[in-house]
Amino acid sequence: MDDSVYVGNAGVDGATDAGWLLGHFKPPGDVRHSAEVEVKWGVHPAGEARSRWATGERRTALLVLISGRFRVELPDRTVVLGMPGDYVVWGRGVDHSWYAEQESVVLTVRWPSVPGYKVDPPVLH
């Protein structure tokens, strides 16, 4: 097998690493290891929320709704992703949080991939 090609399933692979498919946290030498970008296949049950606001963010983020209804809280507005394909992008320094209004699948892309950044696991409300 060519080590520069990886074939998988986002739902299966993501379940083993909190949804994260690509980023600095994958082993060096793995084609999914990257310091430039992180990709997550987030599966969120209805009522799940970020455990606390992310502050001092050093990355840019893109969230794309695959299914469900997902609310993103930003300092000056609330964005509801309600139709598949709805998305939101925010830049470095933008505090944020989120809440799954319905069971949701969200594709997240963040850049750069920042080592040592981790928050508490999400909570159900």
PDB file of N, CA and C in Angstrom:
ATOM      1  N   MET A   1       0.844  -1.189   0.000  1.00  0.00           N
ATOM      2  CA  MET A   1       0.000   0.000   0.000  1.00  0.00           C
ATOM      3  C   MET A   1       0.881   1.241   0.000  1.00  0.00           C
ATOM      4  N   ASP A   2       0.474   2.242  -0.711  1.00  0.00           N
ATOM      5  CA  ASP A   2       1.187   3.516  -0.792  1.00  0.00           C
ATOM      6  C   ASP A   2       0.914   4.323   0.477  1.00  0.00           C
ATOM      7  N   ASP A   3       1.961   4.687   1.242  1.00  0.00           N
ATOM      8  CA  ASP A   3       1.791   5.446   2.482  1.00  0.00           C
ATOM      9  C   ASP A   3       1.329   6.876   2.247  1.00  0.00           C
ATOM     10  N   SER A   4       1.315   7.332   0.997  1.00  0.00           N
ATOM     11  CA  SER A   4       0.868   8.693   0.720  1.00  0.00           C
ATOM     12  C   SER A   4      -0.609   8.740   0.342  1.00  0.00           C
ATOM     13  N   VAL A   5      -1.307   7.600   0.479  1.00  0.00           N
ATOM     14  CA  VAL A   5      -2.736   7.536   0.201  1.00  0.00           C
ATOM     15  C   VAL A   5      -3.411   6.843   1.376  1.00  0.00           C
ATOM     16  N   TYR A   6      -4.507   7.427   1.853  1.00  0.00           N
ATOM     17  CA  TYR A   6      -5.299   6.809   2.913  1.00  0.00           C
ATOM     18  C   TYR A   6      -6.748   6.832   2.452  1.00  0.00           C
ATOM     19  N   VAL A   7      -7.419   5.718   2.578  1.00  0.00           N
ATOM     20  CA  VAL A   7      -8.841   5.624   2.244  1.00  0.00           C
ATOM     21  C   VAL A   7      -9.571   5.188   3.499  1.00  0.00           C
ATOM     22  N   GLY A   8     -10.622   5.901   3.856  1.00  0.00           N
ATOM     23  CA  GLY A   8     -11.358   5.550   5.061  1.00  0.00           C
ATOM     24  C   GLY A   8     -12.787   6.029   4.990  1.00  0.00           C
ATOM     25  N   ASN A   9     -13.449   5.999   6.125  1.00  0.00           N
ATOM     26  CA  ASN A   9     -14.811   6.472   6.272  1.00  0.00           C
ATOM     27  C   ASN A   9     -14.818   7.463   7.426  1.00  0.00           C
ATOM     28  N   ALA A  10     -15.333   8.661   7.184  1.00  0.00           N
ATOM     29  CA  ALA A  10     -15.297   9.712   8.200  1.00  0.00           C
ATOM     30  C   ALA A  10     -16.013   9.294   9.482  1.00  0.00           C
ATOM     31  N   GLY A  11     -17.147   8.633   9.362  1.00  0.00           N
ATOM     32  CA  GLY A  11     -17.873   8.204  10.554  1.00  0.00           C
ATOM     33  C   GLY A  11     -17.119   7.173  11.362  1.00  0.00           C
ATOM     34  N   VAL A  12     -16.509   6.223  10.689  1.00  0.00           N
ATOM     35  CA  VAL A  12     -15.750   5.164  11.366  1.00  0.00           C
ATOM     36  C   VAL A  12     -14.446   5.721  11.930  1.00  0.00           C
ATOM     37  N   ASP A  13     -13.658   6.391  11.094  1.00  0.00           N
ATOM     38  CA  ASP A  13     -12.366   6.913  11.543  1.00  0.00           C
ATOM     39  C   ASP A  13     -12.531   7.999  12.598  1.00  0.00           C
ATOM     40  N   GLY A  14     -13.532   8.854  12.417  1.00  0.00           N
ATOM     41  CA  GLY A  14     -13.755   9.939  13.368  1.00  0.00           C
ATOM     42  C   GLY A  14     -14.139   9.446  14.750  1.00  0.00           C
ATOM     43  N   ALA A  15     -14.809   8.304  14.810  1.00  0.00           N
ATOM     44  CA  ALA A  15     -15.235   7.762  16.099  1.00  0.00           C
ATOM     45  C   ALA A  15     -14.055   7.391  16.989  1.00  0.00           C
ATOM     46  N   THR A  16     -12.884   7.191  16.397  1.00  0.00           N
ATOM     47  CA  THR A  16     -11.721   6.797  17.190  1.00  0.00           C
ATOM     48  C   THR A  16     -10.909   7.990  17.698  1.00  0.00           C
ATOM     49  N   ASP A  17     -11.216   9.211  17.242  1.00  0.00           N
ATOM     50  CA  ASP A  17     -10.410  10.379  17.627  1.00  0.00           C
ATOM     51  C   ASP A  17     -11.285  11.622  17.768  1.00  0.00           C
ATOM     52  N   ALA A  18     -12.416  11.487  18.468  1.00  0.00           N
ATOM     53  CA  ALA A  18     -13.339  12.606  18.711  1.00  0.00           C
ATOM     54  C   ALA A  18     -13.766  13.299  17.420  1.00  0.00           C
ATOM     55  N   GLY A  19     -13.791  12.571  16.316  1.00  0.00           N
ATOM     56  CA  GLY A  19     -14.219  13.129  15.041  1.00  0.00           C
ATOM     57  C   GLY A  19     -13.103  13.653  14.166  1.00  0.00           C
ATOM     58  N   TRP A  20     -11.928  13.837  14.733  1.00  0.00           N
ATOM     59  CA  TRP A  20     -10.834  14.453  13.974  1.00  0.00           C
ATOM     60  C   TRP A  20     -10.228  13.464  12.989  1.00  0.00           C
ATOM     61  N   LEU A  21     -10.152  13.882  11.736  1.00  0.00           N
ATOM     62  CA  LEU A  21      -9.654  13.042  10.644  1.00  0.00           C
ATOM     63  C   LEU A  21      -8.259  13.433  10.195  1.00  0.00           C
ATOM     64  N   LEU A  22      -7.899  14.686  10.386  1.00  0.00           N
ATOM     65  CA  LEU A  22      -6.637  15.198   9.847  1.00  0.00           C
ATOM     66  C   LEU A  22      -6.147  16.331  10.731  1.00  0.00           C
ATOM     67  N   GLY A  23      -4.857  16.372  11.019  1.00  0.00           N
ATOM     68  CA  GLY A  23      -4.283  17.457  11.811  1.00  0.00           C
ATOM     69  C   GLY A  23      -2.958  17.065  12.430  1.00  0.00           C
ATOM     70  N   HIS A  24      -2.421  17.968  13.246  1.00  0.00           N
ATOM     71  CA  HIS A  24      -1.120  17.737  13.870  1.00  0.00           C
ATOM     72  C   HIS A  24      -1.122  16.524  14.794  1.00  0.00           C
ATOM     73  N   PHE A  25      -2.291  16.121  15.286  1.00  0.00           N
ATOM     74  CA  PHE A  25      -2.422  15.064  16.267  1.00  0.00           C
ATOM     75  C   PHE A  25      -2.322  13.666  15.667  1.00  0.00           C
ATOM     76  N   LYS A  26      -2.353  13.539  14.352  1.00  0.00           N
ATOM     77  CA  LYS A  26      -2.134  12.229  13.727  1.00  0.00           C
ATOM     78  C   LYS A  26      -0.632  11.943  13.749  1.00  0.00           C
ATOM     79  N   PRO A  27      -0.245  10.678  13.769  1.00  0.00           N
ATOM     80  CA  PRO A  27       1.179  10.342  13.903  1.00  0.00           C
ATOM     81  C   PRO A  27       2.028  10.884  12.742  1.00  0.00           C
ATOM     82  N   PRO A  28       3.221  11.405  13.036  1.00  0.00           N
ATOM     83  CA  PRO A  28       4.128  11.811  11.955  1.00  0.00           C
ATOM     84  C   PRO A  28       4.338  10.642  11.001  1.00  0.00           C
ATOM     85  N   GLY A  29       4.381  10.947   9.723  1.00  0.00           N
ATOM     86  CA  GLY A  29       4.519   9.910   8.712  1.00  0.00           C
ATOM     87  C   GLY A  29       3.182   9.432   8.168  1.00  0.00           C
ATOM     88  N   ASP A  30       2.091   9.660   8.925  1.00  0.00           N
ATOM     89  CA  ASP A  30       0.742   9.340   8.455  1.00  0.00           C
ATOM     90  C   ASP A  30       0.333  10.455   7.497  1.00  0.00           C
ATOM     91  N   VAL A  31      -0.201  10.110   6.336  1.00  0.00           N
ATOM     92  CA  VAL A  31      -0.601  11.122   5.351  1.00  0.00           C
ATOM     93  C   VAL A  31      -1.651  12.079   5.928  1.00  0.00           C
ATOM     94  N   ARG A  32      -2.339  11.689   7.003  1.00  0.00           N
ATOM     95  CA  ARG A  32      -3.334  12.552   7.648  1.00  0.00           C
ATOM     96  C   ARG A  32      -2.729  13.530   8.654  1.00  0.00           C
ATOM     97  N   HIS A  33      -1.427  13.442   8.881  1.00  0.00           N
ATOM     98  CA  HIS A  33      -0.726  14.382   9.767  1.00  0.00           C
ATOM     99  C   HIS A  33      -0.538  15.709   9.028  1.00  0.00           C
ATOM    100  N   SER A  34      -0.902  16.818   9.671  1.00  0.00           N
ATOM    101  CA  SER A  34      -0.745  18.129   9.051  1.00  0.00           C
ATOM    102  C   SER A  34      -0.588  19.208  10.104  1.00  0.00           C
ATOM    103  N   ALA A  35       0.330  20.118   9.876  1.00  0.00           N
ATOM    104  CA  ALA A  35       0.473  21.302  10.722  1.00  0.00           C
ATOM    105  C   ALA A  35      -0.309  22.467  10.126  1.00  0.00           C
ATOM    106  N   GLU A  36      -0.806  22.296   8.907  1.00  0.00           N
ATOM    107  CA  GLU A  36      -1.483  23.391   8.207  1.00  0.00           C
ATOM    108  C   GLU A  36      -2.991  23.414   8.424  1.00  0.00           C
ATOM    109  N   VAL A  37      -3.610  22.232   8.599  1.00  0.00           N
ATOM    110  CA  VAL A  37      -5.075  22.185   8.635  1.00  0.00           C
ATOM    111  C   VAL A  37      -5.551  21.031   9.505  1.00  0.00           C
ATOM    112  N   GLU A  38      -6.757  21.192  10.071  1.00  0.00           N
ATOM    113  CA  GLU A  38      -7.431  20.138  10.823  1.00  0.00           C
ATOM    114  C   GLU A  38      -8.809  19.934  10.196  1.00  0.00           C
ATOM    115  N   VAL A  39      -9.251  18.693  10.131  1.00  0.00           N
ATOM    116  CA  VAL A  39     -10.571  18.375   9.584  1.00  0.00           C
ATOM    117  C   VAL A  39     -11.277  17.440  10.559  1.00  0.00           C
ATOM    118  N   LYS A  40     -12.546  17.756  10.848  1.00  0.00           N
ATOM    119  CA  LYS A  40     -13.342  16.960  11.782  1.00  0.00           C
ATOM    120  C   LYS A  40     -14.690  16.615  11.170  1.00  0.00           C
ATOM    121  N   TRP A  41     -15.117  15.371  11.370  1.00  0.00           N
ATOM    122  CA  TRP A  41     -16.459  14.908  11.038  1.00  0.00           C
ATOM    123  C   TRP A  41     -17.175  14.818  12.382  1.00  0.00           C
ATOM    124  N   GLY A  42     -17.917  15.865  12.721  1.00  0.00           N
ATOM    125  CA  GLY A  42     -18.550  15.926  14.039  1.00  0.00           C
ATOM    126  C   GLY A  42     -19.961  15.390  14.010  1.00  0.00           C
ATOM    127  N   VAL A  43     -20.223  14.359  14.796  1.00  0.00           N
ATOM    128  CA  VAL A  43     -21.564  13.796  14.950  1.00  0.00           C
ATOM    129  C   VAL A  43     -22.043  14.199  16.337  1.00  0.00           C
ATOM    130  N   HIS A  44     -23.106  15.012  16.383  1.00  0.00           N
ATOM    131  CA  HIS A  44     -23.553  15.614  17.638  1.00  0.00           C
ATOM    132  C   HIS A  44     -25.001  15.253  17.922  1.00  0.00           C
ATOM    133  N   PRO A  45     -25.264  14.563  19.040  1.00  0.00           N
ATOM    134  CA  PRO A  45     -26.660  14.271  19.402  1.00  0.00           C
ATOM    135  C   PRO A  45     -27.403  15.564  19.741  1.00  0.00           C
ATOM    136  N   ALA A  46     -28.712  15.543  19.583  1.00  0.00           N
ATOM    137  CA  ALA A  46     -29.531  16.704  19.947  1.00  0.00           C
ATOM    138  C   ALA A  46     -29.257  17.073  21.399  1.00  0.00           C
ATOM    139  N   GLY A  47     -29.087  18.365  21.644  1.00  0.00           N
ATOM    140  CA  GLY A  47     -28.849  18.850  23.003  1.00  0.00           C
ATOM    141  C   GLY A  47     -27.391  18.927  23.401  1.00  0.00           C
ATOM    142  N   GLU A  48     -26.488  18.431  22.556  1.00  0.00           N
ATOM    143  CA  GLU A  48     -25.070  18.504  22.892  1.00  0.00           C
ATOM    144  C   GLU A  48     -24.581  19.934  22.705  1.00  0.00           C
ATOM    145  N   ALA A  49     -23.722  20.380  23.619  1.00  0.00           N
ATOM    146  CA  ALA A  49     -23.182  21.737  23.570  1.00  0.00           C
ATOM    147  C   ALA A  49     -21.692  21.709  23.869  1.00  0.00           C
ATOM    148  N   ARG A  50     -21.012  22.712  23.383  1.00  0.00           N
ATOM    149  CA  ARG A  50     -19.598  22.886  23.714  1.00  0.00           C
ATOM    150  C   ARG A  50     -19.524  23.106  25.219  1.00  0.00           C
ATOM    151  N   SER A  51     -18.560  22.496  25.887  1.00  0.00           N
ATOM    152  CA  SER A  51     -18.497  22.565  27.346  1.00  0.00           C
ATOM    153  C   SER A  51     -18.227  23.975  27.862  1.00  0.00           C
ATOM    154  N   ARG A  52     -17.536  24.781  27.051  1.00  0.00           N
ATOM    155  CA  ARG A  52     -17.276  26.185  27.408  1.00  0.00           C
ATOM    156  C   ARG A  52     -16.905  26.952  26.144  1.00  0.00           C
ATOM    157  N   TRP A  53     -17.008  28.244  26.216  1.00  0.00           N
ATOM    158  CA  TRP A  53     -16.652  29.086  25.066  1.00  0.00           C
ATOM    159  C   TRP A  53     -15.177  28.925  24.743  1.00  0.00           C
ATOM    160  N   ALA A  54     -14.860  28.905  23.465  1.00  0.00           N
ATOM    161  CA  ALA A  54     -13.472  28.947  23.022  1.00  0.00           C
ATOM    162  C   ALA A  54     -13.059  30.411  22.983  1.00  0.00           C
ATOM    163  N   THR A  55     -11.992  30.735  23.669  1.00  0.00           N
ATOM    164  CA  THR A  55     -11.505  32.110  23.708  1.00  0.00           C
ATOM    165  C   THR A  55     -10.047  32.134  23.269  1.00  0.00           C
ATOM    166  N   GLY A  56      -9.614  33.271  22.783  1.00  0.00           N
ATOM    167  CA  GLY A  56      -8.227  33.403  22.350  1.00  0.00           C
ATOM    168  C   GLY A  56      -7.897  32.511  21.172  1.00  0.00           C
ATOM    169  N   GLU A  57      -8.868  32.261  20.331  1.00  0.00           N
ATOM    170  CA  GLU A  57      -8.694  31.356  19.186  1.00  0.00           C
ATOM    171  C   GLU A  57      -7.559  31.831  18.288  1.00  0.00           C
ATOM    172  N   ARG A  58      -6.681  30.891  17.904  1.00  0.00           N
ATOM    173  CA  ARG A  58      -5.540  31.211  17.041  1.00  0.00           C
ATOM    174  C   ARG A  58      -5.700  30.642  15.640  1.00  0.00           C
ATOM    175  N   ARG A  59      -6.907  30.151  15.338  1.00  0.00           N
ATOM    176  CA  ARG A  59      -7.144  29.540  14.033  1.00  0.00           C
ATOM    177  C   ARG A  59      -8.333  30.186  13.335  1.00  0.00           C
ATOM    178  N   THR A  60      -8.405  29.978  12.039  1.00  0.00           N
ATOM    179  CA  THR A  60      -9.592  30.297  11.262  1.00  0.00           C
ATOM    180  C   THR A  60     -10.394  29.007  11.176  1.00  0.00           C
ATOM    181  N   ALA A  61     -11.724  29.107  11.173  1.00  0.00           N
ATOM    182  CA  ALA A  61     -12.555  27.905  11.151  1.00  0.00           C
ATOM    183  C   ALA A  61     -13.677  28.027  10.128  1.00  0.00           C
ATOM    184  N   LEU A  62     -14.017  26.890   9.545  1.00  0.00           N
ATOM    185  CA  LEU A  62     -15.147  26.745   8.634  1.00  0.00           C
ATOM    186  C   LEU A  62     -15.975  25.578   9.147  1.00  0.00           C
ATOM    187  N   LEU A  63     -17.279  25.798   9.382  1.00  0.00           N
ATOM    188  CA  LEU A  63     -18.189  24.726   9.758  1.00  0.00           C
ATOM    189  C   LEU A  63     -19.241  24.605   8.668  1.00  0.00           C
ATOM    190  N   VAL A  64     -19.432  23.387   8.148  1.00  0.00           N
ATOM    191  CA  VAL A  64     -20.424  23.115   7.115  1.00  0.00           C
ATOM    192  C   VAL A  64     -21.410  22.094   7.661  1.00  0.00           C
ATOM    193  N   LEU A  65     -22.700  22.415   7.622  1.00  0.00           N
ATOM    194  CA  LEU A  65     -23.723  21.487   8.088  1.00  0.00           C
ATOM    195  C   LEU A  65     -23.971  20.416   7.035  1.00  0.00           C
ATOM    196  N   ILE A  66     -23.850  19.165   7.442  1.00  0.00           N
ATOM    197  CA  ILE A  66     -24.162  18.036   6.572  1.00  0.00           C
ATOM    198  C   ILE A  66     -25.624  17.636   6.786  1.00  0.00           C
ATOM    199  N   SER A  67     -26.039  17.541   8.057  1.00  0.00           N
ATOM    200  CA  SER A  67     -27.426  17.216   8.385  1.00  0.00           C
ATOM    201  C   SER A  67     -27.754  17.755   9.771  1.00  0.00           C
ATOM    202  N   GLY A  68     -29.048  17.938  10.048  1.00  0.00           N
ATOM    203  CA  GLY A  68     -29.502  18.386  11.357  1.00  0.00           C
ATOM    204  C   GLY A  68     -29.728  19.879  11.423  1.00  0.00           C
ATOM    205  N   ARG A  69     -29.599  20.407  12.640  1.00  0.00           N
ATOM    206  CA  ARG A  69     -29.748  21.849  12.905  1.00  0.00           C
ATOM    207  C   ARG A  69     -28.748  22.185  14.004  1.00  0.00           C
ATOM    208  N   PHE A  70     -27.840  23.109  13.705  1.00  0.00           N
ATOM    209  CA  PHE A  70     -26.677  23.368  14.560  1.00  0.00           C
ATOM    210  C   PHE A  70     -26.531  24.869  14.754  1.00  0.00           C
ATOM    211  N   ARG A  71     -26.415  25.288  16.016  1.00  0.00           N
ATOM    212  CA  ARG A  71     -26.319  26.720  16.342  1.00  0.00           C
ATOM    213  C   ARG A  71     -24.890  27.062  16.753  1.00  0.00           C
ATOM    214  N   VAL A  72     -24.346  28.114  16.151  1.00  0.00           N
ATOM    215  CA  VAL A  72     -23.015  28.606  16.484  1.00  0.00           C
ATOM    216  C   VAL A  72     -23.181  29.970  17.151  1.00  0.00           C
ATOM    217  N   GLU A  73     -22.622  30.083  18.346  1.00  0.00           N
ATOM    218  CA  GLU A  73     -22.681  31.334  19.106  1.00  0.00           C
ATOM    219  C   GLU A  73     -21.376  32.093  18.898  1.00  0.00           C
ATOM    220  N   LEU A  74     -21.491  33.327  18.461  1.00  0.00           N
ATOM    221  CA  LEU A  74     -20.344  34.211  18.272  1.00  0.00           C
ATOM    222  C   LEU A  74     -20.566  35.442  19.147  1.00  0.00           C
ATOM    223  N   PRO A  75     -19.549  36.245  19.404  1.00  0.00           N
ATOM    224  CA  PRO A  75     -19.703  37.375  20.326  1.00  0.00           C
ATOM    225  C   PRO A  75     -20.825  38.345  19.941  1.00  0.00           C
ATOM    226  N   ASP A  76     -21.024  38.581  18.664  1.00  0.00           N
ATOM    227  CA  ASP A  76     -21.997  39.597  18.257  1.00  0.00           C
ATOM    228  C   ASP A  76     -23.212  39.041  17.535  1.00  0.00           C
ATOM    229  N   ARG A  77     -23.313  37.698  17.447  1.00  0.00           N
ATOM    230  CA  ARG A  77     -24.467  37.119  16.750  1.00  0.00           C
ATOM    231  C   ARG A  77     -24.559  35.620  17.004  1.00  0.00           C
ATOM    232  N   THR A  78     -25.733  35.099  16.692  1.00  0.00           N
ATOM    233  CA  THR A  78     -25.977  33.665  16.702  1.00  0.00           C
ATOM    234  C   THR A  78     -26.253  33.256  15.272  1.00  0.00           C
ATOM    235  N   VAL A  79     -25.592  32.195  14.817  1.00  0.00           N
ATOM    236  CA  VAL A  79     -25.775  31.691  13.458  1.00  0.00           C
ATOM    237  C   VAL A  79     -26.401  30.306  13.575  1.00  0.00           C
ATOM    238  N   VAL A  80     -27.529  30.093  12.888  1.00  0.00           N
ATOM    239  CA  VAL A  80     -28.168  28.784  12.869  1.00  0.00           C
ATOM    240  C   VAL A  80     -27.938  28.165  11.501  1.00  0.00           C
ATOM    241  N   LEU A  81     -27.307  26.998  11.504  1.00  0.00           N
ATOM    242  CA  LEU A  81     -27.114  26.228  10.286  1.00  0.00           C
ATOM    243  C   LEU A  81     -28.284  25.253  10.234  1.00  0.00           C
ATOM    244  N   GLY A  82     -29.209  25.470   9.297  1.00  0.00           N
ATOM    245  CA  GLY A  82     -30.448  24.704   9.283  1.00  0.00           C
ATOM    246  C   GLY A  82     -30.684  23.868   8.048  1.00  0.00           C
ATOM    247  N   MET A  83     -29.953  24.142   6.977  1.00  0.00           N
ATOM    248  CA  MET A  83     -30.109  23.380   5.739  1.00  0.00           C
ATOM    249  C   MET A  83     -28.768  22.772   5.364  1.00  0.00           C
ATOM    250  N   PRO A  84     -28.765  21.526   4.879  1.00  0.00           N
ATOM    251  CA  PRO A  84     -27.488  20.938   4.463  1.00  0.00           C
ATOM    252  C   PRO A  84     -26.748  21.888   3.519  1.00  0.00           C
ATOM    253  N   GLY A  85     -25.486  22.089   3.802  1.00  0.00           N
ATOM    254  CA  GLY A  85     -24.673  23.006   3.008  1.00  0.00           C
ATOM    255  C   GLY A  85     -24.531  24.381   3.629  1.00  0.00           C
ATOM    256  N   ASP A  86     -25.385  24.736   4.601  1.00  0.00           N
ATOM    257  CA  ASP A  86     -25.204  26.015   5.300  1.00  0.00           C
ATOM    258  C   ASP A  86     -23.839  25.983   5.979  1.00  0.00           C
ATOM    259  N   TYR A  87     -23.166  27.130   5.989  1.00  0.00           N
ATOM    260  CA  TYR A  87     -21.854  27.166   6.634  1.00  0.00           C
ATOM    261  C   TYR A  87     -21.576  28.529   7.232  1.00  0.00           C
ATOM    262  N   VAL A  88     -20.590  28.556   8.116  1.00  0.00           N
ATOM    263  CA  VAL A  88     -20.120  29.785   8.745  1.00  0.00           C
ATOM    264  C   VAL A  88     -18.600  29.710   8.820  1.00  0.00           C
ATOM    265  N   VAL A  89     -17.960  30.855   8.638  1.00  0.00           N
ATOM    266  CA  VAL A  89     -16.506  30.974   8.733  1.00  0.00           C
ATOM    267  C   VAL A  89     -16.204  32.108   9.701  1.00  0.00           C
ATOM    268  N   TRP A  90     -15.227  31.901  10.576  1.00  0.00           N
ATOM    269  CA  TRP A  90     -14.748  33.004  11.409  1.00  0.00           C
ATOM    270  C   TRP A  90     -13.237  32.953  11.478  1.00  0.00           C
ATOM    271  N   GLY A  91     -12.663  34.099  11.769  1.00  0.00           N
ATOM    272  CA  GLY A  91     -11.214  34.232  11.774  1.00  0.00           C
ATOM    273  C   GLY A  91     -10.609  34.124  13.154  1.00  0.00           C
ATOM    274  N   ARG A  92      -9.308  34.263  13.167  1.00  0.00           N
ATOM    275  CA  ARG A  92      -8.548  34.212  14.419  1.00  0.00           C
ATOM    276  C   ARG A  92      -9.056  35.278  15.370  1.00  0.00           C
ATOM    277  N   GLY A  93      -9.067  34.923  16.649  1.00  0.00           N
ATOM    278  CA  GLY A  93      -9.470  35.872  17.676  1.00  0.00           C
ATOM    279  C   GLY A  93     -10.968  35.937  17.923  1.00  0.00           C
ATOM    280  N   VAL A  94     -11.776  35.194  17.180  1.00  0.00           N
ATOM    281  CA  VAL A  94     -13.229  35.225  17.371  1.00  0.00           C
ATOM    282  C   VAL A  94     -13.628  34.125  18.358  1.00  0.00           C
ATOM    283  N   ASP A  95     -14.114  34.550  19.527  1.00  0.00           N
ATOM    284  CA  ASP A  95     -14.597  33.595  20.524  1.00  0.00           C
ATOM    285  C   ASP A  95     -15.851  32.919  19.979  1.00  0.00           C
ATOM    286  N   HIS A  96     -16.101  31.676  20.417  1.00  0.00           N
ATOM    287  CA  HIS A  96     -17.274  30.977  19.901  1.00  0.00           C
ATOM    288  C   HIS A  96     -17.678  29.816  20.799  1.00  0.00           C
ATOM    289  N   SER A  97     -18.907  29.375  20.586  1.00  0.00           N
ATOM    290  CA  SER A  97     -19.435  28.183  21.221  1.00  0.00           C
ATOM    291  C   SER A  97     -20.467  27.597  20.265  1.00  0.00           C
ATOM    292  N   TRP A  98     -21.052  26.434  20.603  1.00  0.00           N
ATOM    293  CA  TRP A  98     -22.047  25.831  19.725  1.00  0.00           C
ATOM    294  C   TRP A  98     -23.015  24.961  20.505  1.00  0.00           C
ATOM    295  N   TYR A  99     -24.144  24.642  19.845  1.00  0.00           N
ATOM    296  CA  TYR A  99     -25.195  23.821  20.431  1.00  0.00           C
ATOM    297  C   TYR A  99     -25.906  23.071  19.308  1.00  0.00           C
ATOM    298  N   ALA A 100     -26.092  21.765  19.460  1.00  0.00           N
ATOM    299  CA  ALA A 100     -26.814  20.963  18.473  1.00  0.00           C
ATOM    300  C   ALA A 100     -28.303  21.013  18.801  1.00  0.00           C
ATOM    301  N   GLU A 101     -29.055  21.796  18.035  1.00  0.00           N
ATOM    302  CA  GLU A 101     -30.499  21.893  18.263  1.00  0.00           C
ATOM    303  C   GLU A 101     -31.203  20.590  17.899  1.00  0.00           C
ATOM    304  N   GLN A 102     -30.694  19.897  16.893  1.00  0.00           N
ATOM    305  CA  GLN A 102     -31.145  18.564  16.495  1.00  0.00           C
ATOM    306  C   GLN A 102     -29.897  17.709  16.343  1.00  0.00           C
ATOM    307  N   GLU A 103     -30.082  16.397  16.235  1.00  0.00           N
ATOM    308  CA  GLU A 103     -28.935  15.556  15.928  1.00  0.00           C
ATOM    309  C   GLU A 103     -28.304  16.110  14.649  1.00  0.00           C
ATOM    310  N   SER A 104     -27.004  16.343  14.680  1.00  0.00           N
ATOM    311  CA  SER A 104     -26.338  17.030  13.572  1.00  0.00           C
ATOM    312  C   SER A 104     -25.023  16.375  13.203  1.00  0.00           C
ATOM    313  N   VAL A 105     -24.696  16.480  11.923  1.00  0.00           N
ATOM    314  CA  VAL A 105     -23.373  16.119  11.436  1.00  0.00           C
ATOM    315  C   VAL A 105     -22.791  17.396  10.840  1.00  0.00           C
ATOM    316  N   VAL A 106     -21.597  17.762  11.302  1.00  0.00           N
ATOM    317  CA  VAL A 106     -20.949  19.006  10.897  1.00  0.00           C
ATOM    318  C   VAL A 106     -19.513  18.699  10.471  1.00  0.00           C
ATOM    319  N   LEU A 107     -19.132  19.184   9.317  1.00  0.00           N
ATOM    320  CA  LEU A 107     -17.752  19.089   8.857  1.00  0.00           C
ATOM    321  C   LEU A 107     -17.043  20.368   9.273  1.00  0.00           C
ATOM    322  N   THR A 108     -15.968  20.230  10.032  1.00  0.00           N
ATOM    323  CA  THR A 108     -15.198  21.383  10.493  1.00  0.00           C
ATOM    324  C   THR A 108     -13.815  21.346   9.870  1.00  0.00           C
ATOM    325  N   VAL A 109     -13.381  22.497   9.377  1.00  0.00           N
ATOM    326  CA  VAL A 109     -12.021  22.664   8.863  1.00  0.00           C
ATOM    327  C   VAL A 109     -11.429  23.846   9.621  1.00  0.00           C
ATOM    328  N   ARG A 110     -10.264  23.634  10.241  1.00  0.00           N
ATOM    329  CA  ARG A 110      -9.579  24.719  10.976  1.00  0.00           C
ATOM    330  C   ARG A 110      -8.144  24.806  10.499  1.00  0.00           C
ATOM    331  N   TRP A 111      -7.640  26.022  10.475  1.00  0.00           N
ATOM    332  CA  TRP A 111      -6.242  26.201  10.086  1.00  0.00           C
ATOM    333  C   TRP A 111      -5.657  27.394  10.790  1.00  0.00           C
ATOM    334  N   PRO A 112      -4.362  27.296  11.160  1.00  0.00           N
ATOM    335  CA  PRO A 112      -3.475  26.130  11.079  1.00  0.00           C
ATOM    336  C   PRO A 112      -3.833  25.101  12.148  1.00  0.00           C
ATOM    337  N   SER A 113      -3.150  23.967  12.131  1.00  0.00           N
ATOM    338  CA  SER A 113      -3.348  22.942  13.148  1.00  0.00           C
ATOM    339  C   SER A 113      -2.421  23.279  14.317  1.00  0.00           C
ATOM    340  N   VAL A 114      -3.001  23.593  15.466  1.00  0.00           N
ATOM    341  CA  VAL A 114      -2.239  24.111  16.605  1.00  0.00           C
ATOM    342  C   VAL A 114      -2.060  23.029  17.671  1.00  0.00           C
ATOM    343  N   PRO A 115      -0.838  22.552  17.887  1.00  0.00           N
ATOM    344  CA  PRO A 115      -0.595  21.561  18.937  1.00  0.00           C
ATOM    345  C   PRO A 115      -0.948  22.102  20.321  1.00  0.00           C
ATOM    346  N   GLY A 116      -1.428  21.195  21.169  1.00  0.00           N
ATOM    347  CA  GLY A 116      -1.714  21.539  22.552  1.00  0.00           C
ATOM    348  C   GLY A 116      -3.066  22.168  22.794  1.00  0.00           C
ATOM    349  N   TYR A 117      -3.850  22.410  21.748  1.00  0.00           N
ATOM    350  CA  TYR A 117      -5.157  23.035  21.917  1.00  0.00           C
ATOM    351  C   TYR A 117      -6.207  21.955  22.125  1.00  0.00           C
ATOM    352  N   LYS A 118      -6.844  21.950  23.284  1.00  0.00           N
ATOM    353  CA  LYS A 118      -7.882  20.956  23.558  1.00  0.00           C
ATOM    354  C   LYS A 118      -8.816  21.515  24.621  1.00  0.00           C
ATOM    355  N   VAL A 119     -10.106  21.271  24.445  1.00  0.00           N
ATOM    356  CA  VAL A 119     -11.085  21.706  25.443  1.00  0.00           C
ATOM    357  C   VAL A 119     -11.752  20.488  26.051  1.00  0.00           C
ATOM    358  N   ASP A 120     -12.541  20.736  27.092  1.00  0.00           N
ATOM    359  CA  ASP A 120     -13.278  19.655  27.743  1.00  0.00           C
ATOM    360  C   ASP A 120     -14.252  19.043  26.743  1.00  0.00           C
ATOM    361  N   PRO A 121     -14.625  17.772  26.955  1.00  0.00           N
ATOM    362  CA  PRO A 121     -15.593  17.129  26.063  1.00  0.00           C
ATOM    363  C   PRO A 121     -16.939  17.878  26.105  1.00  0.00           C
ATOM    364  N   PRO A 122     -17.719  17.809  25.004  1.00  0.00           N
ATOM    365  CA  PRO A 122     -19.029  18.456  24.976  1.00  0.00           C
ATOM    366  C   PRO A 122     -19.949  17.874  26.050  1.00  0.00           C
ATOM    367  N   VAL A 123     -21.013  18.609  26.365  1.00  0.00           N
ATOM    368  CA  VAL A 123     -21.974  18.173  27.370  1.00  0.00           C
ATOM    369  C   VAL A 123     -23.361  18.104  26.748  1.00  0.00           C
ATOM    370  N   LEU A 124     -24.230  17.272  27.312  1.00  0.00           N
ATOM    371  CA  LEU A 124     -25.620  17.184  26.878  1.00  0.00           C
ATOM    372  C   LEU A 124     -26.486  18.025  27.795  1.00  0.00           C
ATOM    373  N   HIS A 125     -27.398  18.772  27.185  1.00  0.00           N
ATOM    374  CA  HIS A 125     -28.329  19.600  27.977  1.00  0.00           C
ATOM    375  C   HIS A 125     -29.715  19.011  27.914  1.00  0.00           C
TER     376      HIS A 125
END
